Amino acid sequence: MTRLMLTLFSMIATTLMGVFIVAALTLGHVATQPILIAAALGFVLAIPVSWLVAKQIAG
């Protein structure tokens, strides 16, 4: 399950980071710090999400 989680993490982290960066830019935060915070938040949030998805797939 660890290999599955790591594979899913690479896709989920990229997606969540992109979503949060777009949300930050949409809210008008064009400075570097809010964009980096949004990317870090997406990266950290992807860890439990990928674990849950891998758990559901592994059944």
N, C-alpha and C. Protein backbone atom coordinates (compact mmCIF):
# COMPACT_ATOMS: atom_id res chain seq x y z
N MET A 1 0.83 -1.20 0.00
CA MET A 1 0.00 0.00 0.00
C MET A 1 0.86 1.25 0.00
N THR A 2 2.08 1.15 0.51
CA THR A 2 2.95 2.32 0.54
C THR A 2 3.32 2.78 -0.86
N ARG A 3 3.61 1.83 -1.75
CA ARG A 3 3.95 2.19 -3.13
C ARG A 3 2.76 2.85 -3.82
N LEU A 4 1.57 2.32 -3.58
CA LEU A 4 0.36 2.90 -4.16
C LEU A 4 0.15 4.31 -3.63
N MET A 5 0.35 4.51 -2.34
CA MET A 5 0.18 5.83 -1.74
C MET A 5 1.17 6.83 -2.32
N LEU A 6 2.42 6.41 -2.50
CA LEU A 6 3.42 7.32 -3.05
C LEU A 6 3.13 7.67 -4.50
N THR A 7 2.64 6.71 -5.26
CA THR A 7 2.27 6.99 -6.65
C THR A 7 1.09 7.97 -6.70
N LEU A 8 0.10 7.72 -5.87
CA LEU A 8 -1.04 8.63 -5.82
C LEU A 8 -0.64 10.00 -5.29
N PHE A 9 0.28 10.01 -4.34
CA PHE A 9 0.71 11.28 -3.75
C PHE A 9 1.30 12.21 -4.81
N SER A 10 2.07 11.66 -5.74
CA SER A 10 2.68 12.51 -6.76
C SER A 10 1.62 13.21 -7.62
N MET A 11 0.51 12.54 -7.87
CA MET A 11 -0.55 13.15 -8.66
C MET A 11 -1.45 14.06 -7.82
N ILE A 12 -1.79 13.60 -6.63
CA ILE A 12 -2.70 14.37 -5.77
C ILE A 12 -2.03 15.64 -5.28
N ALA A 13 -0.75 15.56 -4.92
CA ALA A 13 -0.04 16.75 -4.43
C ALA A 13 0.05 17.81 -5.52
N THR A 14 0.36 17.40 -6.73
CA THR A 14 0.44 18.35 -7.83
C THR A 14 -0.90 19.02 -8.07
N THR A 15 -1.96 18.24 -8.03
CA THR A 15 -3.30 18.78 -8.26
C THR A 15 -3.71 19.75 -7.15
N LEU A 16 -3.54 19.34 -5.90
CA LEU A 16 -3.95 20.21 -4.79
C LEU A 16 -3.11 21.49 -4.73
N MET A 17 -1.81 21.37 -4.99
CA MET A 17 -0.97 22.57 -5.00
C MET A 17 -1.43 23.53 -6.08
N GLY A 18 -1.75 23.01 -7.25
CA GLY A 18 -2.24 23.86 -8.33
C GLY A 18 -3.55 24.52 -8.01
N VAL A 19 -4.45 23.77 -7.40
CA VAL A 19 -5.76 24.32 -7.03
C VAL A 19 -5.59 25.45 -6.01
N PHE A 20 -4.75 25.22 -5.00
CA PHE A 20 -4.57 26.24 -3.97
C PHE A 20 -3.83 27.47 -4.51
N ILE A 21 -2.91 27.28 -5.42
CA ILE A 21 -2.22 28.42 -6.03
C ILE A 21 -3.19 29.23 -6.87
N VAL A 22 -4.02 28.57 -7.65
CA VAL A 22 -5.02 29.28 -8.45
C VAL A 22 -6.00 30.02 -7.55
N ALA A 23 -6.39 29.39 -6.44
CA ALA A 23 -7.30 30.05 -5.50
C ALA A 23 -6.64 31.29 -4.89
N ALA A 24 -5.36 31.18 -4.54
CA ALA A 24 -4.66 32.33 -3.97
C ALA A 24 -4.56 33.46 -5.00
N LEU A 25 -4.27 33.12 -6.23
CA LEU A 25 -4.17 34.15 -7.26
C LEU A 25 -5.53 34.77 -7.57
N THR A 26 -6.58 33.97 -7.51
CA THR A 26 -7.93 34.48 -7.75
C THR A 26 -8.35 35.45 -6.66
N LEU A 27 -7.89 35.19 -5.44
CA LEU A 27 -8.23 36.09 -4.34
C LEU A 27 -7.40 37.36 -4.34
N GLY A 28 -6.47 37.48 -5.28
CA GLY A 28 -5.70 38.70 -5.42
C GLY A 28 -4.36 38.70 -4.71
N HIS A 29 -3.93 37.56 -4.22
CA HIS A 29 -2.64 37.45 -3.54
C HIS A 29 -1.56 37.18 -4.58
N VAL A 30 -0.95 38.24 -5.09
CA VAL A 30 0.06 38.06 -6.15
C VAL A 30 1.48 38.13 -5.62
N ALA A 31 1.64 38.27 -4.32
CA ALA A 31 2.99 38.27 -3.73
C ALA A 31 3.50 36.83 -3.63
N THR A 32 4.79 36.70 -3.40
CA THR A 32 5.41 35.38 -3.37
C THR A 32 4.99 34.57 -2.15
N GLN A 33 4.91 35.18 -1.00
CA GLN A 33 4.64 34.44 0.23
C GLN A 33 3.28 33.73 0.23
N PRO A 34 2.18 34.38 -0.14
CA PRO A 34 0.90 33.65 -0.15
C PRO A 34 0.88 32.50 -1.16
N ILE A 35 1.57 32.64 -2.26
CA ILE A 35 1.62 31.57 -3.25
C ILE A 35 2.40 30.38 -2.70
N LEU A 36 3.51 30.65 -2.02
CA LEU A 36 4.29 29.56 -1.41
C LEU A 36 3.52 28.88 -0.28
N ILE A 37 2.78 29.66 0.48
CA ILE A 37 1.96 29.09 1.56
C ILE A 37 0.88 28.20 0.96
N ALA A 38 0.26 28.64 -0.12
CA ALA A 38 -0.78 27.83 -0.78
C ALA A 38 -0.19 26.53 -1.31
N ALA A 39 1.00 26.59 -1.90
CA ALA A 39 1.65 25.38 -2.41
C ALA A 39 2.01 24.44 -1.28
N ALA A 40 2.53 24.97 -0.19
CA ALA A 40 2.89 24.13 0.96
C ALA A 40 1.65 23.50 1.58
N LEU A 41 0.56 24.25 1.64
CA LEU A 41 -0.68 23.71 2.19
C LEU A 41 -1.20 22.57 1.33
N GLY A 42 -1.13 22.71 0.02
CA GLY A 42 -1.54 21.63 -0.88
C GLY A 42 -0.67 20.41 -0.73
N PHE A 43 0.63 20.62 -0.55
CA PHE A 43 1.57 19.51 -0.37
C PHE A 43 1.27 18.74 0.91
N VAL A 44 1.06 19.47 2.00
CA VAL A 44 0.81 18.83 3.29
C VAL A 44 -0.56 18.14 3.30
N LEU A 45 -1.55 18.76 2.71
CA LEU A 45 -2.89 18.18 2.68
C LEU A 45 -2.95 16.93 1.79
N ALA A 46 -2.05 16.83 0.84
CA ALA A 46 -2.04 15.67 -0.06
C ALA A 46 -1.61 14.39 0.65
N ILE A 47 -0.89 14.50 1.75
CA ILE A 47 -0.43 13.30 2.46
C ILE A 47 -1.61 12.48 3.00
N PRO A 48 -2.50 13.07 3.81
CA PRO A 48 -3.62 12.24 4.29
C PRO A 48 -4.61 11.88 3.18
N VAL A 49 -4.77 12.76 2.20
CA VAL A 49 -5.69 12.46 1.10
C VAL A 49 -5.21 11.26 0.31
N SER A 50 -3.94 11.22 -0.01
CA SER A 50 -3.41 10.08 -0.77
C SER A 50 -3.46 8.80 0.06
N TRP A 51 -3.26 8.90 1.36
CA TRP A 51 -3.38 7.73 2.22
C TRP A 51 -4.81 7.19 2.21
N LEU A 52 -5.78 8.10 2.31
CA LEU A 52 -7.18 7.67 2.30
C LEU A 52 -7.57 7.05 0.97
N VAL A 53 -7.13 7.65 -0.13
CA VAL A 53 -7.46 7.11 -1.45
C VAL A 53 -6.80 5.75 -1.64
N ALA A 54 -5.56 5.61 -1.24
CA ALA A 54 -4.87 4.32 -1.36
C ALA A 54 -5.56 3.25 -0.51
N LYS A 55 -6.01 3.65 0.65
CA LYS A 55 -6.73 2.71 1.53
C LYS A 55 -8.03 2.25 0.89
N GLN A 56 -8.74 3.17 0.24
CA GLN A 56 -9.98 2.82 -0.44
C GLN A 56 -9.72 1.91 -1.64
N ILE A 57 -8.66 2.18 -2.39
CA ILE A 57 -8.35 1.36 -3.55
C ILE A 57 -7.91 -0.04 -3.13
N ALA A 58 -7.06 -0.11 -2.12
CA ALA A 58 -6.56 -1.40 -1.65
C ALA A 58 -7.66 -2.25 -1.03
N GLY A 59 -8.70 -1.58 -0.56
CA GLY A 59 -9.88 -2.25 -0.10
C GLY A 59 -9.81 -2.93 1.19
